[in-house]
Amino acid sequence: MTKINLEIQVLNNKIEKLFDRLSKYSDDELNRKIIKNKWSINHNIYHLILAEMGIEKYIRIKTQYPDTLVNVKIISRIKAFFLELSLKIGFTYKGPASVTENFPKTIKLTELKESWKKSRNSLNELINSLDENILNKGIFNHGLIGRMDIYMTLNFFKFHFNHHKKIIYKLEQRLNY
């Protein structure tokens, strides 16, 4: 198993654990806006799926033109480190409208799980189809970080997921009151 496939498997395991944990709740509970003007538990998951799907779509387009891919700058690695650190200590950032607005009012957890599986399988197939020569190139351009290679992108998936998992767990605690 390659390092990339191992990273994806680690992400998949985290996601499966989250879905298993949340499966004891009804969709009504998971769609409840526990904090006014904030997302429900299912909206947080929906956001994560949209973000990953959007990134995959970007990578698919970008990697069709491998000659245009550039090297990742050291400043991007530094920015990624500080973004991860800031999310760990509780800062939040507004993502692009495509992954933060116009969510359906209610979403079924089973549909989210199915969407995530399809998205993750598609991403895995894409990554495994890429020429190894471009994996270290800037195949994704993050709004705050800049160009990211596949390893940085998967690390972003991980710390982005962990950030929202923390939010989801806090919301879950309030569900139980």
N, C-alpha and C. Protein backbone atom coordinates (compact mmCIF):
# COMPACT_ATOMS: atom_id res chain seq x y z
N MET A 1 0.85 -1.18 0.00
CA MET A 1 0.00 0.00 0.00
C MET A 1 0.90 1.24 0.00
N THR A 2 0.60 2.17 -0.89
CA THR A 2 1.40 3.39 -0.97
C THR A 2 1.06 4.33 0.18
N LYS A 3 1.92 5.31 0.37
CA LYS A 3 1.69 6.32 1.42
C LYS A 3 0.35 7.02 1.20
N ILE A 4 0.05 7.32 -0.05
CA ILE A 4 -1.21 8.00 -0.37
C ILE A 4 -2.40 7.13 -0.02
N ASN A 5 -2.35 5.85 -0.43
CA ASN A 5 -3.46 4.95 -0.12
C ASN A 5 -3.62 4.76 1.38
N LEU A 6 -2.51 4.75 2.09
CA LEU A 6 -2.56 4.64 3.55
C LEU A 6 -3.23 5.88 4.16
N GLU A 7 -2.88 7.06 3.67
CA GLU A 7 -3.51 8.30 4.14
C GLU A 7 -5.02 8.27 3.90
N ILE A 8 -5.40 7.81 2.72
CA ILE A 8 -6.83 7.74 2.39
C ILE A 8 -7.53 6.73 3.30
N GLN A 9 -6.88 5.61 3.58
CA GLN A 9 -7.48 4.61 4.46
C GLN A 9 -7.66 5.16 5.88
N VAL A 10 -6.69 5.92 6.35
CA VAL A 10 -6.81 6.54 7.68
C VAL A 10 -8.01 7.49 7.70
N LEU A 11 -8.15 8.29 6.64
CA LEU A 11 -9.31 9.19 6.55
C LEU A 11 -10.61 8.40 6.51
N ASN A 12 -10.64 7.34 5.73
CA ASN A 12 -11.85 6.52 5.63
C ASN A 12 -12.23 5.93 6.99
N ASN A 13 -11.24 5.48 7.73
CA ASN A 13 -11.52 4.91 9.06
C ASN A 13 -12.11 5.96 10.00
N LYS A 14 -11.58 7.18 9.95
CA LYS A 14 -12.11 8.26 10.80
C LYS A 14 -13.57 8.56 10.44
N ILE A 15 -13.83 8.59 9.15
CA ILE A 15 -15.18 8.90 8.68
C ILE A 15 -16.16 7.80 9.08
N GLU A 16 -15.74 6.55 8.90
CA GLU A 16 -16.60 5.43 9.29
C GLU A 16 -16.93 5.48 10.77
N LYS A 17 -15.94 5.80 11.60
CA LYS A 17 -16.18 5.91 13.04
C LYS A 17 -17.18 7.01 13.35
N LEU A 18 -17.08 8.12 12.63
CA LEU A 18 -18.02 9.22 12.84
C LEU A 18 -19.44 8.80 12.45
N PHE A 19 -19.57 8.17 11.28
CA PHE A 19 -20.90 7.72 10.86
C PHE A 19 -21.47 6.69 11.83
N ASP A 20 -20.64 5.77 12.30
CA ASP A 20 -21.10 4.78 13.28
C ASP A 20 -21.58 5.47 14.56
N ARG A 21 -20.82 6.44 15.01
CA ARG A 21 -21.17 7.17 16.23
C ARG A 21 -22.50 7.90 16.08
N LEU A 22 -22.72 8.50 14.91
CA LEU A 22 -23.92 9.30 14.70
C LEU A 22 -25.15 8.47 14.33
N SER A 23 -24.96 7.21 13.99
CA SER A 23 -26.07 6.38 13.51
C SER A 23 -27.15 6.15 14.57
N LYS A 24 -26.85 6.40 15.83
CA LYS A 24 -27.84 6.21 16.90
C LYS A 24 -28.86 7.34 16.96
N TYR A 25 -28.61 8.42 16.22
CA TYR A 25 -29.52 9.57 16.23
C TYR A 25 -30.45 9.54 15.03
N SER A 26 -31.60 10.15 15.20
CA SER A 26 -32.54 10.27 14.09
C SER A 26 -32.07 11.39 13.15
N ASP A 27 -32.58 11.36 11.94
CA ASP A 27 -32.25 12.44 11.01
C ASP A 27 -32.77 13.78 11.52
N ASP A 28 -33.90 13.76 12.21
CA ASP A 28 -34.42 15.01 12.80
C ASP A 28 -33.41 15.60 13.78
N GLU A 29 -32.83 14.75 14.62
CA GLU A 29 -31.84 15.24 15.58
C GLU A 29 -30.59 15.75 14.88
N LEU A 30 -30.14 15.02 13.87
CA LEU A 30 -28.91 15.39 13.17
C LEU A 30 -29.07 16.63 12.29
N ASN A 31 -30.31 16.95 11.94
CA ASN A 31 -30.58 18.15 11.14
C ASN A 31 -30.97 19.36 11.98
N ARG A 32 -31.10 19.15 13.29
CA ARG A 32 -31.50 20.23 14.18
C ARG A 32 -30.37 21.26 14.30
N LYS A 33 -30.75 22.52 14.13
CA LYS A 33 -29.78 23.61 14.33
C LYS A 33 -29.74 23.90 15.82
N ILE A 34 -28.75 23.36 16.47
CA ILE A 34 -28.65 23.44 17.92
C ILE A 34 -28.22 24.83 18.36
N ILE A 35 -27.38 25.46 17.55
CA ILE A 35 -26.93 26.82 17.82
C ILE A 35 -27.47 27.71 16.70
N LYS A 36 -28.16 28.76 17.09
CA LYS A 36 -28.78 29.65 16.11
C LYS A 36 -27.75 30.16 15.10
N ASN A 37 -28.14 30.17 13.83
CA ASN A 37 -27.31 30.64 12.72
C ASN A 37 -26.04 29.82 12.50
N LYS A 38 -26.02 28.61 13.03
CA LYS A 38 -24.89 27.69 12.80
C LYS A 38 -25.42 26.43 12.14
N TRP A 39 -24.52 25.67 11.56
CA TRP A 39 -24.91 24.44 10.88
C TRP A 39 -25.30 23.35 11.86
N SER A 40 -26.16 22.47 11.38
CA SER A 40 -26.49 21.25 12.12
C SER A 40 -25.34 20.26 11.96
N ILE A 41 -25.44 19.14 12.64
CA ILE A 41 -24.43 18.08 12.49
C ILE A 41 -24.36 17.63 11.04
N ASN A 42 -25.52 17.35 10.44
CA ASN A 42 -25.52 16.89 9.05
C ASN A 42 -25.01 17.96 8.09
N HIS A 43 -25.25 19.22 8.39
CA HIS A 43 -24.72 20.29 7.53
C HIS A 43 -23.19 20.33 7.58
N ASN A 44 -22.62 20.07 8.74
CA ASN A 44 -21.16 20.01 8.84
C ASN A 44 -20.60 18.89 7.96
N ILE A 45 -21.26 17.74 7.99
CA ILE A 45 -20.82 16.62 7.16
C ILE A 45 -21.01 16.95 5.69
N TYR A 46 -22.14 17.55 5.36
CA TYR A 46 -22.42 17.94 3.97
C TYR A 46 -21.34 18.90 3.45
N HIS A 47 -20.95 19.84 4.28
CA HIS A 47 -19.89 20.78 3.92
C HIS A 47 -18.58 20.04 3.62
N LEU A 48 -18.22 19.09 4.45
CA LEU A 48 -17.00 18.32 4.23
C LEU A 48 -17.04 17.58 2.89
N ILE A 49 -18.18 16.99 2.59
CA ILE A 49 -18.33 16.26 1.32
C ILE A 49 -18.20 17.22 0.15
N LEU A 50 -18.90 18.35 0.22
CA LEU A 50 -18.82 19.34 -0.86
C LEU A 50 -17.38 19.81 -1.07
N ALA A 51 -16.68 20.06 0.01
CA ALA A 51 -15.29 20.53 -0.09
C ALA A 51 -14.43 19.49 -0.79
N GLU A 52 -14.54 18.24 -0.37
CA GLU A 52 -13.72 17.19 -0.99
C GLU A 52 -14.10 16.97 -2.45
N MET A 53 -15.38 17.02 -2.76
CA MET A 53 -15.81 16.85 -4.16
C MET A 53 -15.30 18.00 -5.02
N GLY A 54 -15.35 19.20 -4.49
CA GLY A 54 -14.86 20.36 -5.24
C GLY A 54 -13.37 20.28 -5.49
N ILE A 55 -12.63 19.83 -4.49
CA ILE A 55 -11.19 19.68 -4.64
C ILE A 55 -10.87 18.61 -5.68
N GLU A 56 -11.60 17.50 -5.61
CA GLU A 56 -11.37 16.44 -6.60
C GLU A 56 -11.64 16.95 -8.02
N LYS A 57 -12.73 17.67 -8.17
CA LYS A 57 -13.08 18.21 -9.49
C LYS A 57 -11.95 19.12 -10.00
N TYR A 58 -11.44 19.97 -9.13
CA TYR A 58 -10.35 20.87 -9.49
C TYR A 58 -9.12 20.07 -9.92
N ILE A 59 -8.77 19.04 -9.13
CA ILE A 59 -7.60 18.22 -9.45
C ILE A 59 -7.78 17.51 -10.78
N ARG A 60 -8.98 17.00 -11.04
CA ARG A 60 -9.25 16.32 -12.32
C ARG A 60 -8.96 17.26 -13.50
N ILE A 61 -9.43 18.48 -13.39
CA ILE A 61 -9.23 19.45 -14.48
C ILE A 61 -7.76 19.83 -14.58
N LYS A 62 -7.16 20.16 -13.45
CA LYS A 62 -5.78 20.64 -13.44
C LYS A 62 -4.80 19.60 -13.96
N THR A 63 -5.02 18.34 -13.61
CA THR A 63 -4.07 17.29 -14.01
C THR A 63 -4.23 16.86 -15.46
N GLN A 64 -5.24 17.36 -16.13
CA GLN A 64 -5.36 17.10 -17.58
C GLN A 64 -4.29 17.85 -18.36
N TYR A 65 -3.70 18.84 -17.72
CA TYR A 65 -2.67 19.68 -18.35
C TYR A 65 -1.41 19.65 -17.48
N PRO A 66 -0.73 18.51 -17.41
CA PRO A 66 0.40 18.37 -16.49
C PRO A 66 1.54 19.35 -16.75
N ASP A 67 1.68 19.83 -17.97
CA ASP A 67 2.76 20.78 -18.26
C ASP A 67 2.54 22.13 -17.59
N THR A 68 1.31 22.40 -17.18
CA THR A 68 1.02 23.69 -16.54
C THR A 68 1.19 23.65 -15.02
N LEU A 69 1.41 22.46 -14.47
CA LEU A 69 1.54 22.32 -13.02
C LEU A 69 2.87 22.90 -12.56
N VAL A 70 2.82 23.59 -11.42
CA VAL A 70 4.02 24.23 -10.89
C VAL A 70 4.43 23.55 -9.58
N ASN A 71 5.65 23.82 -9.17
CA ASN A 71 6.13 23.30 -7.89
C ASN A 71 5.44 24.02 -6.74
N VAL A 72 5.34 23.34 -5.62
CA VAL A 72 4.76 23.93 -4.42
C VAL A 72 5.82 24.81 -3.76
N LYS A 73 5.42 26.02 -3.42
CA LYS A 73 6.35 26.95 -2.77
C LYS A 73 6.41 26.68 -1.27
N ILE A 74 7.54 26.97 -0.70
CA ILE A 74 7.73 26.77 0.74
C ILE A 74 6.73 27.59 1.54
N ILE A 75 6.37 28.76 1.04
CA ILE A 75 5.40 29.61 1.75
C ILE A 75 4.05 28.90 1.87
N SER A 76 3.69 28.09 0.86
CA SER A 76 2.43 27.33 0.93
C SER A 76 2.49 26.30 2.04
N ARG A 77 3.64 25.69 2.21
CA ARG A 77 3.79 24.70 3.29
C ARG A 77 3.69 25.38 4.66
N ILE A 78 4.27 26.56 4.76
CA ILE A 78 4.20 27.33 6.01
C ILE A 78 2.76 27.75 6.28
N LYS A 79 2.07 28.25 5.25
CA LYS A 79 0.67 28.65 5.42
C LYS A 79 -0.20 27.46 5.83
N ALA A 80 0.06 26.30 5.23
CA ALA A 80 -0.71 25.10 5.58
C ALA A 80 -0.51 24.75 7.05
N PHE A 81 0.72 24.85 7.51
CA PHE A 81 1.02 24.57 8.92
C PHE A 81 0.24 25.51 9.83
N PHE A 82 0.27 26.80 9.50
CA PHE A 82 -0.41 27.78 10.35
C PHE A 82 -1.94 27.68 10.26
N LEU A 83 -2.46 27.31 9.11
CA LEU A 83 -3.91 27.10 9.00
C LEU A 83 -4.32 25.91 9.88
N GLU A 84 -3.57 24.83 9.78
CA GLU A 84 -3.87 23.66 10.61
C GLU A 84 -3.81 24.01 12.09
N LEU A 85 -2.77 24.71 12.48
CA LEU A 85 -2.60 25.12 13.87
C LEU A 85 -3.75 26.02 14.33
N SER A 86 -4.12 26.98 13.50
CA SER A 86 -5.19 27.90 13.89
C SER A 86 -6.53 27.18 14.03
N LEU A 87 -6.80 26.19 13.17
CA LEU A 87 -8.03 25.43 13.31
C LEU A 87 -8.01 24.59 14.59
N LYS A 88 -6.84 24.05 14.92
CA LYS A 88 -6.73 23.25 16.15
C LYS A 88 -7.02 24.07 17.40
N ILE A 89 -6.65 25.35 17.38
CA ILE A 89 -6.87 26.16 18.58
C ILE A 89 -8.20 26.90 18.56
N GLY A 90 -9.02 26.65 17.54
CA GLY A 90 -10.38 27.15 17.56
C GLY A 90 -10.74 28.27 16.62
N PHE A 91 -9.80 28.75 15.82
CA PHE A 91 -10.16 29.77 14.84
C PHE A 91 -11.02 29.14 13.75
N THR A 92 -11.85 29.95 13.14
CA THR A 92 -12.65 29.48 12.01
C THR A 92 -12.46 30.43 10.84
N TYR A 93 -12.67 29.91 9.66
CA TYR A 93 -12.54 30.71 8.44
C TYR A 93 -13.73 30.42 7.55
N LYS A 94 -14.21 31.44 6.90
CA LYS A 94 -15.33 31.27 5.97
C LYS A 94 -14.81 30.68 4.68
N GLY A 95 -15.35 29.55 4.31
CA GLY A 95 -14.97 28.91 3.05
C GLY A 95 -15.70 29.55 1.89
N PRO A 96 -15.37 29.13 0.68
CA PRO A 96 -16.05 29.67 -0.49
C PRO A 96 -17.55 29.34 -0.47
N ALA A 97 -18.34 30.18 -1.11
CA ALA A 97 -19.79 30.01 -1.13
C ALA A 97 -20.21 28.64 -1.65
N SER A 98 -19.44 28.09 -2.58
CA SER A 98 -19.80 26.80 -3.18
C SER A 98 -19.83 25.67 -2.16
N VAL A 99 -19.17 25.85 -1.02
CA VAL A 99 -19.15 24.80 0.00
C VAL A 99 -19.70 25.26 1.35
N THR A 100 -20.31 26.46 1.37
CA THR A 100 -20.83 26.97 2.64
C THR A 100 -22.25 27.52 2.56
N GLU A 101 -22.82 27.59 1.38
CA GLU A 101 -24.14 28.21 1.24
C GLU A 101 -25.10 27.32 0.45
N ASN A 102 -26.38 27.66 0.57
CA ASN A 102 -27.44 26.99 -0.18
C ASN A 102 -27.51 25.49 0.10
N PHE A 103 -27.41 25.12 1.37
CA PHE A 103 -27.53 23.73 1.77
C PHE A 103 -29.00 23.34 1.80
N PRO A 104 -29.31 22.08 1.54
CA PRO A 104 -30.69 21.63 1.74
C PRO A 104 -31.06 21.77 3.22
N LYS A 105 -32.33 21.98 3.49
CA LYS A 105 -32.76 22.17 4.88
C LYS A 105 -32.52 20.90 5.70
N THR A 106 -32.86 19.76 5.12
CA THR A 106 -32.63 18.49 5.81
C THR A 106 -31.87 17.54 4.88
N ILE A 107 -31.06 16.70 5.50
CA ILE A 107 -30.26 15.73 4.77
C ILE A 107 -30.26 14.44 5.58
N LYS A 108 -30.43 13.31 4.92
CA LYS A 108 -30.39 12.03 5.62
C LYS A 108 -28.95 11.58 5.81
N LEU A 109 -28.66 11.06 6.98
CA LEU A 109 -27.31 10.57 7.27
C LEU A 109 -26.92 9.46 6.30
N THR A 110 -27.87 8.59 5.96
CA THR A 110 -27.56 7.49 5.03
C THR A 110 -27.17 8.03 3.66
N GLU A 111 -27.82 9.11 3.23
CA GLU A 111 -27.46 9.72 1.94
C GLU A 111 -26.09 10.38 2.00
N LEU A 112 -25.78 10.99 3.14
CA LEU A 112 -24.45 11.59 3.31
C LEU A 112 -23.38 10.51 3.25
N LYS A 113 -23.64 9.41 3.92
CA LYS A 113 -22.66 8.31 3.93
C LYS A 113 -22.45 7.77 2.52
N GLU A 114 -23.52 7.60 1.79
CA GLU A 114 -23.43 7.09 0.41
C GLU A 114 -22.68 8.08 -0.48
N SER A 115 -22.99 9.35 -0.35
CA SER A 115 -22.28 10.38 -1.13
C SER A 115 -20.80 10.38 -0.81
N TRP A 116 -20.49 10.25 0.46
CA TRP A 116 -19.09 10.27 0.87
C TRP A 116 -18.34 9.07 0.30
N LYS A 117 -18.99 7.89 0.34
CA LYS A 117 -18.35 6.69 -0.21
C LYS A 117 -18.08 6.85 -1.70
N LYS A 118 -19.07 7.35 -2.42
CA LYS A 118 -18.89 7.56 -3.87
C LYS A 118 -17.78 8.56 -4.14
N SER A 119 -17.79 9.65 -3.39
CA SER A 119 -16.78 10.68 -3.57
C SER A 119 -15.39 10.15 -3.25
N ARG A 120 -15.29 9.42 -2.17
CA ARG A 120 -13.98 8.89 -1.76
C ARG A 120 -13.47 7.85 -2.75
N ASN A 121 -14.37 7.00 -3.26
CA ASN A 121 -13.96 6.02 -4.27
C ASN A 121 -13.48 6.71 -5.54
N SER A 122 -14.19 7.75 -5.93
CA SER A 122 -13.81 8.51 -7.11
C SER A 122 -12.44 9.18 -6.92
N LEU A 123 -12.24 9.76 -5.74
CA LEU A 123 -10.95 10.39 -5.44
C LEU A 123 -9.82 9.36 -5.47
N ASN A 124 -10.07 8.22 -4.87
CA ASN A 124 -9.07 7.15 -4.83
C ASN A 124 -8.70 6.70 -6.24
N GLU A 125 -9.71 6.51 -7.09
CA GLU A 125 -9.45 6.13 -8.48
C GLU A 125 -8.64 7.20 -9.20
N LEU A 126 -9.00 8.45 -8.98
CA LEU A 126 -8.26 9.55 -9.61
C LEU A 126 -6.80 9.54 -9.19
N ILE A 127 -6.56 9.48 -7.89
CA ILE A 127 -5.19 9.53 -7.39
C ILE A 127 -4.38 8.36 -7.92
N ASN A 128 -4.98 7.17 -7.95
CA ASN A 128 -4.26 6.00 -8.44
C ASN A 128 -4.00 6.06 -9.94
N SER A 129 -4.75 6.89 -10.65
CA SER A 129 -4.54 7.02 -12.09
C SER A 129 -3.51 8.08 -12.45
N LEU A 130 -3.12 8.90 -11.48
CA LEU A 130 -2.19 10.00 -11.77
C LEU A 130 -0.77 9.50 -11.94
N ASP A 131 -0.06 10.15 -12.84
CA ASP A 131 1.36 9.87 -13.04
C ASP A 131 2.12 10.30 -11.78
N GLU A 132 3.00 9.45 -11.31
CA GLU A 132 3.74 9.76 -10.07
C GLU A 132 4.54 11.04 -10.17
N ASN A 133 4.90 11.44 -11.37
CA ASN A 133 5.71 12.66 -11.55
C ASN A 133 4.97 13.93 -11.16
N ILE A 134 3.64 13.87 -11.10
CA ILE A 134 2.89 15.10 -10.79
C ILE A 134 2.36 15.14 -9.36
N LEU A 135 2.58 14.08 -8.60
CA LEU A 135 2.04 14.03 -7.24
C LEU A 135 2.65 15.10 -6.33
N ASN A 136 3.87 15.51 -6.62
CA ASN A 136 4.53 16.55 -5.82
C ASN A 136 4.33 17.94 -6.39
N LYS A 137 3.58 18.05 -7.46
CA LYS A 137 3.31 19.35 -8.07
C LYS A 137 2.08 19.98 -7.43
N GLY A 138 1.90 21.27 -7.64
CA GLY A 138 0.76 21.99 -7.09
C GLY A 138 -0.51 21.69 -7.86
N ILE A 139 -1.17 20.59 -7.50
CA ILE A 139 -2.35 20.14 -8.24
C ILE A 139 -3.64 20.75 -7.71
N PHE A 140 -3.56 21.43 -6.57
CA PHE A 140 -4.74 22.11 -6.03
C PHE A 140 -4.33 23.47 -5.50
N ASN A 141 -5.17 24.47 -5.76
CA ASN A 141 -4.89 25.83 -5.31
C ASN A 141 -5.91 26.22 -4.24
N HIS A 142 -5.48 26.17 -2.99
CA HIS A 142 -6.33 26.51 -1.85
C HIS A 142 -6.36 28.03 -1.68
N GLY A 143 -7.52 28.57 -1.35
CA GLY A 143 -7.69 30.01 -1.23
C GLY A 143 -6.78 30.69 -0.22
N LEU A 144 -6.47 30.04 0.88
CA LEU A 144 -5.60 30.63 1.90
C LEU A 144 -4.16 30.14 1.81
N ILE A 145 -3.99 28.90 1.43
CA ILE A 145 -2.67 28.28 1.44
C ILE A 145 -1.90 28.52 0.15
N GLY A 146 -2.61 28.44 -0.97
CA GLY A 146 -1.94 28.49 -2.27
C GLY A 146 -1.83 27.09 -2.85
N ARG A 147 -0.88 26.89 -3.73
CA ARG A 147 -0.72 25.60 -4.40
C ARG A 147 -0.32 24.50 -3.42
N MET A 148 -1.00 23.36 -3.58
CA MET A 148 -0.76 22.21 -2.70
C MET A 148 -0.54 20.97 -3.55
N ASP A 149 0.40 20.11 -3.13
CA ASP A 149 0.57 18.83 -3.80
C ASP A 149 -0.43 17.84 -3.21
N ILE A 150 -0.42 16.61 -3.70
CA ILE A 150 -1.42 15.64 -3.24
C ILE A 150 -1.26 15.33 -1.76
N TYR A 151 -0.03 15.32 -1.27
CA TYR A 151 0.20 15.00 0.14
C TYR A 151 -0.34 16.12 1.04
N MET A 152 -0.11 17.36 0.64
CA MET A 152 -0.66 18.50 1.39
C MET A 152 -2.18 18.50 1.31
N THR A 153 -2.71 18.13 0.15
CA THR A 153 -4.16 18.11 -0.03
C THR A 153 -4.80 17.08 0.89
N LEU A 154 -4.21 15.89 0.96
CA LEU A 154 -4.74 14.87 1.86
C LEU A 154 -4.60 15.28 3.31
N ASN A 155 -3.52 15.97 3.64
CA ASN A 155 -3.36 16.49 5.00
C ASN A 155 -4.42 17.55 5.29
N PHE A 156 -4.74 18.38 4.29
CA PHE A 156 -5.82 19.35 4.46
C PHE A 156 -7.14 18.63 4.74
N PHE A 157 -7.42 17.56 3.97
CA PHE A 157 -8.64 16.78 4.23
C PHE A 157 -8.67 16.33 5.69
N LYS A 158 -7.52 15.88 6.17
CA LYS A 158 -7.45 15.36 7.54
C LYS A 158 -7.70 16.45 8.57
N PHE A 159 -7.00 17.58 8.46
CA PHE A 159 -7.20 18.59 9.51
C PHE A 159 -8.52 19.33 9.35
N HIS A 160 -9.04 19.41 8.14
CA HIS A 160 -10.36 19.99 7.92
C HIS A 160 -11.42 19.08 8.55
N PHE A 161 -11.28 17.78 8.33
CA PHE A 161 -12.20 16.82 8.93
C PHE A 161 -12.13 16.90 10.46
N ASN A 162 -10.91 16.92 11.02
CA ASN A 162 -10.75 16.97 12.47
C ASN A 162 -11.39 18.23 13.06
N HIS A 163 -11.25 19.34 12.35
CA HIS A 163 -11.86 20.60 12.80
C HIS A 163 -13.38 20.45 12.90
N HIS A 164 -13.99 19.89 11.85
CA HIS A 164 -15.45 19.75 11.87
C HIS A 164 -15.91 18.63 12.80
N LYS A 165 -15.08 17.61 12.97
CA LYS A 165 -15.42 16.54 13.92
C LYS A 165 -15.53 17.11 15.33
N LYS A 166 -14.63 18.01 15.67
CA LYS A 166 -14.67 18.66 16.98
C LYS A 166 -15.99 19.44 17.14
N ILE A 167 -16.38 20.15 16.10
CA ILE A 167 -17.65 20.90 16.12
C ILE A 167 -18.82 19.93 16.26
N ILE A 168 -18.79 18.86 15.48
CA ILE A 168 -19.86 17.86 15.51
C ILE A 168 -19.98 17.25 16.91
N TYR A 169 -18.87 16.93 17.54
CA TYR A 169 -18.92 16.35 18.89
C TYR A 169 -19.52 17.33 19.89
N LYS A 170 -19.20 18.61 19.76
CA LYS A 170 -19.79 19.61 20.65
C LYS A 170 -21.30 19.70 20.43
N LEU A 171 -21.72 19.67 19.18
CA LEU A 171 -23.15 19.69 18.87
C LEU A 171 -23.83 18.44 19.41
N GLU A 172 -23.16 17.32 19.27
CA GLU A 172 -23.71 16.06 19.77
C GLU A 172 -23.93 16.11 21.28
N GLN A 173 -23.00 16.70 22.00
CA GLN A 173 -23.16 16.83 23.46
C GLN A 173 -24.41 17.63 23.79
N ARG A 174 -24.66 18.66 23.01
CA ARG A 174 -25.84 19.50 23.28
C ARG A 174 -27.12 18.80 22.87
N LEU A 175 -27.04 17.84 21.96
CA LEU A 175 -28.21 17.05 21.59
C LEU A 175 -28.70 16.24 22.78
N ASN A 176 -27.77 15.82 23.59
CA ASN A 176 -28.08 14.92 24.70
C ASN A 176 -28.61 15.64 25.94
N TYR A 177 -28.79 16.95 25.86
CA TYR A 177 -29.34 17.70 27.00
C TYR A 177 -30.81 17.86 26.89
